[in-house]
C-alpha atoms as a PDB file:
ATOM      1  CA  MET A   1     -42.721  26.131 -28.087  1.00  0.00           C
ATOM      2  CA  THR A   2     -41.234  27.579 -24.883  1.00  0.00           C
ATOM      3  CA  LYS A   3     -42.768  24.763 -22.850  1.00  0.00           C
ATOM      4  CA  PHE A   4     -41.011  22.190 -25.054  1.00  0.00           C
ATOM      5  CA  LEU A   5     -37.716  24.119 -24.749  1.00  0.00           C
ATOM      6  CA  LYS A   6     -37.966  24.247 -20.931  1.00  0.00           C
ATOM      7  CA  ILE A   7     -38.663  20.521 -20.727  1.00  0.00           C
ATOM      8  CA  PHE A   8     -35.763  19.762 -23.072  1.00  0.00           C
ATOM      9  CA  ILE A   9     -33.324  21.933 -21.055  1.00  0.00           C
ATOM     10  CA  ILE A  10     -34.404  20.410 -17.737  1.00  0.00           C
ATOM     11  CA  PHE A  11     -34.109  16.897 -19.169  1.00  0.00           C
ATOM     12  CA  SER A  12     -30.632  17.712 -20.552  1.00  0.00           C
ATOM     13  CA  ILE A  13     -29.434  19.086 -17.216  1.00  0.00           C
ATOM     14  CA  LEU A  14     -30.741  16.028 -15.354  1.00  0.00           C
ATOM     15  CA  SER A  15     -29.087  13.714 -17.874  1.00  0.00           C
ATOM     16  CA  ILE A  16     -25.718  15.426 -17.533  1.00  0.00           C
ATOM     17  CA  PHE A  17     -26.016  15.463 -13.741  1.00  0.00           C
ATOM     18  CA  THR A  18     -26.851  11.739 -13.696  1.00  0.00           C
ATOM     19  CA  TYR A  19     -23.968  10.962 -16.036  1.00  0.00           C
ATOM     20  CA  PHE A  20     -21.416  12.485 -13.642  1.00  0.00           C
ATOM     21  CA  VAL A  21     -22.967  11.597 -10.276  1.00  0.00           C
ATOM     22  CA  TYR A  22     -23.889   7.946 -10.901  1.00  0.00           C
ATOM     23  CA  PRO A  23     -20.266   6.615 -10.957  1.00  0.00           C
ATOM     24  CA  ILE A  24     -19.496   8.414  -7.697  1.00  0.00           C
ATOM     25  CA  ILE A  25     -22.542   7.022  -5.937  1.00  0.00           C
ATOM     26  CA  LYS A  26     -21.950   3.563  -7.390  1.00  0.00           C
ATOM     27  CA  ASN A  27     -18.317   3.437  -6.182  1.00  0.00           C
ATOM     28  CA  ARG A  28     -19.124   4.827  -2.763  1.00  0.00           C
ATOM     29  CA  TYR A  29     -22.238   2.904  -1.794  1.00  0.00           C
ATOM     30  CA  PHE A  30     -22.453  -0.224  -3.922  1.00  0.00           C
ATOM     31  CA  ASN A  31     -18.910  -1.673  -3.864  1.00  0.00           C
ATOM     32  CA  PRO A  32     -18.395  -4.473  -1.339  1.00  0.00           C
ATOM     33  CA  ALA A  33     -16.156  -3.600   1.594  1.00  0.00           C
ATOM     34  CA  PRO A  34     -12.668  -5.144   1.490  1.00  0.00           C
ATOM     35  CA  THR A  35     -12.444  -8.182   3.728  1.00  0.00           C
ATOM     36  CA  ALA A  36      -8.680  -7.957   4.299  1.00  0.00           C
ATOM     37  CA  PRO A  37      -7.232  -5.605   6.931  1.00  0.00           C
ATOM     38  CA  ILE A  38      -5.967  -2.264   5.662  1.00  0.00           C
ATOM     39  CA  GLU A  39      -2.320  -3.092   6.212  1.00  0.00           C
ATOM     40  CA  ASN A  40      -2.585  -6.330   4.243  1.00  0.00           C
ATOM     41  CA  SER A  41      -4.565  -4.760   1.418  1.00  0.00           C
ATOM     42  CA  LEU A  42      -1.597  -2.514   0.649  1.00  0.00           C
ATOM     43  CA  ALA A  43       0.776  -5.447   0.306  1.00  0.00           C
ATOM     44  CA  PRO A  44       1.774  -6.650  -3.167  1.00  0.00           C
ATOM     45  CA  THR A  45      -0.466  -8.977  -5.115  1.00  0.00           C
ATOM     46  CA  PRO A  46      -0.321 -12.684  -4.226  1.00  0.00           C
ATOM     47  CA  SER A  47       2.560 -14.666  -5.624  1.00  0.00           C
ATOM     48  CA  THR A  48       4.025 -18.029  -4.779  1.00  0.00           C
ATOM     49  CA  SER A  49       7.672 -17.079  -5.216  1.00  0.00           C
ATOM     50  CA  THR A  50       9.771 -14.358  -3.647  1.00  0.00           C
ATOM     51  CA  ALA A  51      11.907 -13.631  -6.698  1.00  0.00           C
ATOM     52  CA  PRO A  52      11.120 -13.289 -10.386  1.00  0.00           C
ATOM     53  CA  THR A  53      11.844 -16.328 -12.509  1.00  0.00           C
ATOM     54  CA  THR A  54      13.279 -16.358 -15.990  1.00  0.00           C
ATOM     55  CA  SER A  55       9.980 -17.628 -17.382  1.00  0.00           C
ATOM     56  CA  GLU A  56       8.184 -14.412 -16.439  1.00  0.00           C
ATOM     57  CA  ASN A  57       7.410 -12.052 -19.267  1.00  0.00           C
ATOM     58  CA  PRO A  58       9.289  -8.764 -18.780  1.00  0.00           C
ATOM     59  CA  ALA A  59       6.720  -6.919 -20.867  1.00  0.00           C
ATOM     60  CA  GLU A  60       4.066  -7.670 -18.247  1.00  0.00           C
ATOM     61  CA  GLU A  61       5.994  -5.966 -15.446  1.00  0.00           C
ATOM     62  CA  THR A  62       6.113  -2.238 -15.976  1.00  0.00           C
ATOM     63  CA  ALA A  63       6.596   0.620 -13.599  1.00  0.00           C
ATOM     64  CA  PRO A  64       3.442   2.556 -12.752  1.00  0.00           C
ATOM     65  CA  ALA A  65       3.934   6.003 -14.257  1.00  0.00           C
ATOM     66  CA  SER A  66       3.086   9.072 -12.266  1.00  0.00           C
ATOM     67  CA  LEU A  67       0.183  11.210 -13.387  1.00  0.00           C
ATOM     68  CA  GLU A  68       2.450  13.977 -14.633  1.00  0.00           C
ATOM     69  CA  ASP A  69       4.570  11.547 -16.657  1.00  0.00           C
ATOM     70  CA  SER A  70       1.570   9.881 -18.226  1.00  0.00           C
ATOM     71  CA  LEU A  71       0.000  13.226 -19.140  1.00  0.00           C
ATOM     72  CA  SER A  72       3.194  14.584 -20.649  1.00  0.00           C
ATOM     73  CA  GLY A  73       4.022  11.315 -22.426  1.00  0.00           C
ATOM     74  CA  LYS A  74       7.304  10.803 -20.551  1.00  0.00           C
ATOM     75  CA  ASN A  75       6.790   7.206 -19.471  1.00  0.00           C
ATOM     76  CA  THR A  76      10.029   5.703 -18.233  1.00  0.00           C
ATOM     77  CA  VAL A  77      11.221   2.293 -19.363  1.00  0.00           C
ATOM     78  CA  PRO A  78      14.242   0.266 -18.263  1.00  0.00           C
ATOM     79  CA  ALA A  79      17.436   0.945 -20.209  1.00  0.00           C
ATOM     80  CA  ASP A  80      17.744  -2.730 -21.166  1.00  0.00           C
ATOM     81  CA  PRO A  81      14.482  -3.972 -22.735  1.00  0.00           C
ATOM     82  CA  ASN A  82      15.267  -7.521 -21.566  1.00  0.00           C
ATOM     83  CA  ALA A  83      15.773  -6.442 -17.940  1.00  0.00           C
ATOM     84  CA  ILE A  84      12.967  -7.300 -15.543  1.00  0.00           C
ATOM     85  CA  LEU A  85      11.880  -4.304 -13.525  1.00  0.00           C
ATOM     86  CA  ASN A  86      10.375  -5.947 -10.471  1.00  0.00           C
ATOM     87  CA  LEU A  87       8.116  -3.407  -8.809  1.00  0.00           C
ATOM     88  CA  ASN A  88       5.721  -4.320  -6.081  1.00  0.00           C
ATOM     89  CA  GLU A  89       2.248  -2.805  -5.754  1.00  0.00           C
ATOM     90  CA  ARG A  90       3.566   0.163  -3.774  1.00  0.00           C
ATOM     91  CA  GLY A  91       5.773   1.192  -6.681  1.00  0.00           C
ATOM     92  CA  THR A  92       9.060   0.574  -4.904  1.00  0.00           C
ATOM     93  CA  PRO A  93      11.672  -1.653  -6.486  1.00  0.00           C
ATOM     94  CA  ASP A  94      12.128  -4.899  -4.596  1.00  0.00           C
ATOM     95  CA  SER A  95      15.853  -4.162  -4.430  1.00  0.00           C
ATOM     96  CA  GLU A  96      14.962  -1.638  -1.692  1.00  0.00           C
ATOM     97  CA  ASN A  97      13.255  -4.429   0.235  1.00  0.00           C
ATOM     98  CA  LEU A  98      14.659  -7.606   1.717  1.00  0.00           C
ATOM     99  CA  ALA A  99      11.972  -9.822   0.138  1.00  0.00           C
ATOM    100  CA  HIS A 100       8.805  -9.609  -1.910  1.00  0.00           C
ATOM    101  CA  ILE A 101       6.045 -10.079   0.685  1.00  0.00           C
ATOM    102  CA  THR A 102       2.489 -10.634  -0.537  1.00  0.00           C
ATOM    103  CA  THR A 103      -0.916 -10.685   1.114  1.00  0.00           C
ATOM    104  CA  GLU A 104      -0.870 -14.446   0.664  1.00  0.00           C
ATOM    105  CA  HIS A 105       2.258 -14.633   2.845  1.00  0.00           C
ATOM    106  CA  CYS A 106       0.607 -12.471   5.500  1.00  0.00           C
ATOM    107  CA  ASP A 107      -2.603 -14.510   5.423  1.00  0.00           C
ATOM    108  CA  ASN A 108      -0.559 -17.701   5.967  1.00  0.00           C
ATOM    109  CA  ASN A 109       1.409 -16.185   8.892  1.00  0.00           C
ATOM    110  CA  CYS A 110       4.600 -16.187   6.784  1.00  0.00           C
ATOM    111  CA  ASP A 111       4.763 -20.001   6.663  1.00  0.00           C
ATOM    112  CA  ALA A 112       6.541 -19.832   3.285  1.00  0.00           C
ATOM    113  CA  PHE A 113       9.594 -18.358   5.037  1.00  0.00           C
ATOM    114  CA  SER A 114       9.754 -20.825   7.935  1.00  0.00           C
ATOM    115  CA  LEU A 115      13.077 -22.295   6.735  1.00  0.00           C
ATOM    116  CA  ASP A 116      14.954 -18.973   6.751  1.00  0.00           C
ATOM    117  CA  PHE A 117      14.763 -17.160  10.099  1.00  0.00           C
ATOM    118  CA  ASN A 118      15.814 -13.766   8.670  1.00  0.00           C
ATOM    119  CA  LEU A 119      13.125 -13.829   5.985  1.00  0.00           C
ATOM    120  CA  LEU A 120      10.570 -15.130   8.484  1.00  0.00           C
ATOM    121  CA  GLU A 121      11.316 -12.238  10.833  1.00  0.00           C
ATOM    122  CA  TYR A 122      11.183  -9.769   7.927  1.00  0.00           C
ATOM    123  CA  CYS A 123       7.837 -11.137   6.750  1.00  0.00           C
ATOM    124  CA  GLN A 124       6.409 -10.912  10.262  1.00  0.00           C
ATOM    125  CA  GLN A 125       7.624  -7.314  10.582  1.00  0.00           C
ATOM    126  CA  VAL A 126       6.082  -6.321   7.229  1.00  0.00           C
ATOM    127  CA  CYS A 127       2.785  -8.074   7.950  1.00  0.00           C
ATOM    128  CA  GLY A 128       2.548  -6.581  11.436  1.00  0.00           C
ATOM    129  CA  ILE A 129       2.598 -10.005  13.102  1.00  0.00           C
ATOM    130  CA  ALA A 130       5.800  -9.415  15.094  1.00  0.00           C
ATOM    131  CA  PRO A 131       5.299  -8.023  18.600  1.00  0.00           C
ATOM    132  CA  ILE A 132       6.397  -4.431  19.191  1.00  0.00           C
ATOM    133  CA  LYS A 133       9.484  -4.321  21.413  1.00  0.00           C
ATOM    134  CA  ASP A 134       9.976  -1.603  24.003  1.00  0.00           C
ATOM    135  CA  VAL A 135      13.169   0.178  22.875  1.00  0.00           C
ATOM    136  CA  SER A 136      14.682   3.534  23.711  1.00  0.00           C
ATOM    137  CA  ASN A 137      17.722   3.765  21.426  1.00  0.00           C
ATOM    138  CA  CYS A 138      18.680   2.314  18.036  1.00  0.00           C
ATOM    139  CA  ASP A 139      22.205   3.710  17.651  1.00  0.00           C
ATOM    140  CA  ASN A 140      23.961   0.388  18.277  1.00  0.00           C
ATOM    141  CA  LYS A 141      22.018  -1.449  15.538  1.00  0.00           C
ATOM    142  CA  SER A 142      22.703  -1.558  11.809  1.00  0.00           C
ATOM    143  CA  ASP A 143      21.000  -2.525   8.545  1.00  0.00           C
ATOM    144  CA  ILE A 144      17.632  -4.262   8.818  1.00  0.00           C
ATOM    145  CA  GLU A 145      17.889  -4.621  12.606  1.00  0.00           C
ATOM    146  CA  LYS A 146      18.060  -0.817  12.828  1.00  0.00           C
ATOM    147  CA  ASP A 147      14.943  -0.594  10.642  1.00  0.00           C
ATOM    148  CA  TYR A 148      13.080  -2.961  12.983  1.00  0.00           C
ATOM    149  CA  CYS A 149      14.282  -0.989  15.993  1.00  0.00           C
ATOM    150  CA  LEU A 150      13.287   2.371  14.468  1.00  0.00           C
ATOM    151  CA  LYS A 151       9.859   0.962  13.641  1.00  0.00           C
ATOM    152  CA  ASP A 152       9.355  -0.235  17.222  1.00  0.00           C
ATOM    153  CA  LEU A 153      10.653   3.080  18.589  1.00  0.00           C
ATOM    154  CA  ALA A 154       8.357   5.123  16.324  1.00  0.00           C
ATOM    155  CA  ILE A 155       5.313   3.025  17.205  1.00  0.00           C
ATOM    156  CA  GLY A 156       6.151   3.201  20.908  1.00  0.00           C
ATOM    157  CA  LYS A 157       6.513   6.993  20.819  1.00  0.00           C
ATOM    158  CA  LYS A 158       3.692   7.390  18.268  1.00  0.00           C
ATOM    159  CA  ASP A 159       5.977   9.610  16.174  1.00  0.00           C
ATOM    160  CA  SER A 160       5.810   9.053  12.416  1.00  0.00           C
ATOM    161  CA  LYS A 161       8.886  11.243  11.863  1.00  0.00           C
ATOM    162  CA  LEU A 162      11.015   8.413  13.238  1.00  0.00           C
ATOM    163  CA  CYS A 163       9.757   6.205  10.374  1.00  0.00           C
ATOM    164  CA  GLU A 164      11.605   8.423   7.885  1.00  0.00           C
ATOM    165  CA  GLY A 165      14.958   6.979   9.014  1.00  0.00           C
ATOM    166  CA  ILE A 166      13.917   3.479   7.932  1.00  0.00           C
ATOM    167  CA  LEU A 167      15.629   2.385   4.715  1.00  0.00           C
ATOM    168  CA  ASP A 168      13.448  -0.605   3.774  1.00  0.00           C
ATOM    169  CA  ALA A 169      10.330   0.618   1.945  1.00  0.00           C
ATOM    170  CA  ASN A 170       8.055  -2.144   3.288  1.00  0.00           C
ATOM    171  CA  ILE A 171       9.097  -1.629   6.910  1.00  0.00           C
ATOM    172  CA  LYS A 172       8.725   2.155   6.538  1.00  0.00           C
ATOM    173  CA  LEU A 173       5.197   1.785   5.156  1.00  0.00           C
ATOM    174  CA  THR A 174       4.272  -0.689   7.890  1.00  0.00           C
ATOM    175  CA  CYS A 175       5.570   1.768  10.492  1.00  0.00           C
ATOM    176  CA  GLN A 176       3.571   4.678   9.071  1.00  0.00           C
ATOM    177  CA  ASN A 177       0.412   2.591   8.713  1.00  0.00           C
ATOM    178  CA  ARG A 178       0.629   1.261  12.272  1.00  0.00           C
ATOM    179  CA  ILE A 179       1.027   4.752  13.748  1.00  0.00           C
ATOM    180  CA  LEU A 180      -1.905   5.992  11.676  1.00  0.00           C
ATOM    181  CA  GLU A 181      -4.074   3.031  12.708  1.00  0.00           C
ATOM    182  CA  ASP A 182      -3.221   3.539  16.387  1.00  0.00           C
ATOM    183  CA  SER A 183      -4.036   7.246  16.232  1.00  0.00           C
ATOM    184  CA  LEU A 184      -7.367   6.552  14.514  1.00  0.00           C
ATOM    185  CA  GLU A 185      -8.275   3.900  17.077  1.00  0.00           C
ATOM    186  CA  ASN A 186      -7.532   6.297  19.949  1.00  0.00           C
ATOM    187  CA  GLN A 187      -9.803   9.063  18.651  1.00  0.00           C
ATOM    188  CA  PRO A 188     -13.064   9.389  20.563  1.00  0.00           C
ATOM    189  CA  ARG A 189     -16.149   8.378  18.616  1.00  0.00           C
ATOM    190  CA  SER A 190     -19.230  10.544  18.641  1.00  0.00           C
ATOM    191  CA  GLU A 191     -22.439   8.877  19.768  1.00  0.00           C
ATOM    192  CA  SER A 192     -24.577  10.183  16.926  1.00  0.00           C
ATOM    193  CA  PRO A 193     -23.585  10.828  13.329  1.00  0.00           C
ATOM    194  CA  ASP A 194     -23.283  14.460  12.302  1.00  0.00           C
ATOM    195  CA  PHE A 195     -25.045  14.109   8.982  1.00  0.00           C
END
């Protein structure tokens, strides 16, 4: 009887262990690596237009609730049920951004914005295609030009605190990502793995 009990307990422990460990191992080792660069994978999902149309279903576009709100049941909804809350994948309203830039736009080198120079420049800044300018001061600039200047200044000085002054959410995220990527690329690599 005790032999059967020991086998049953060991089998139960192994089953529970497998139940919790298998999803972790599956997600870590068996998912294909993303083919898009990191900066582009954070951009909003592909779309062919830069603004919502009236034919879009407002019920499909909802704000991603924070973990605390979803656990407490305090999900926020727009005051007007017919209003379209246009959030991009980062969770920032597009009203904080000049345009809705997608990975499709970045993959096509912002060709969709070739008719409007301001939107083309904005798309190139968000996608990281625009060259970094060597600047030392951004006090004489205003609006989006100041955001571009602050981004270039922060990347040049490798100081992510300068990104906090950027008002546009997409430019700010691009600035922070670029500084992080540069710092990771500059770290020395060890010759042999430590594990």
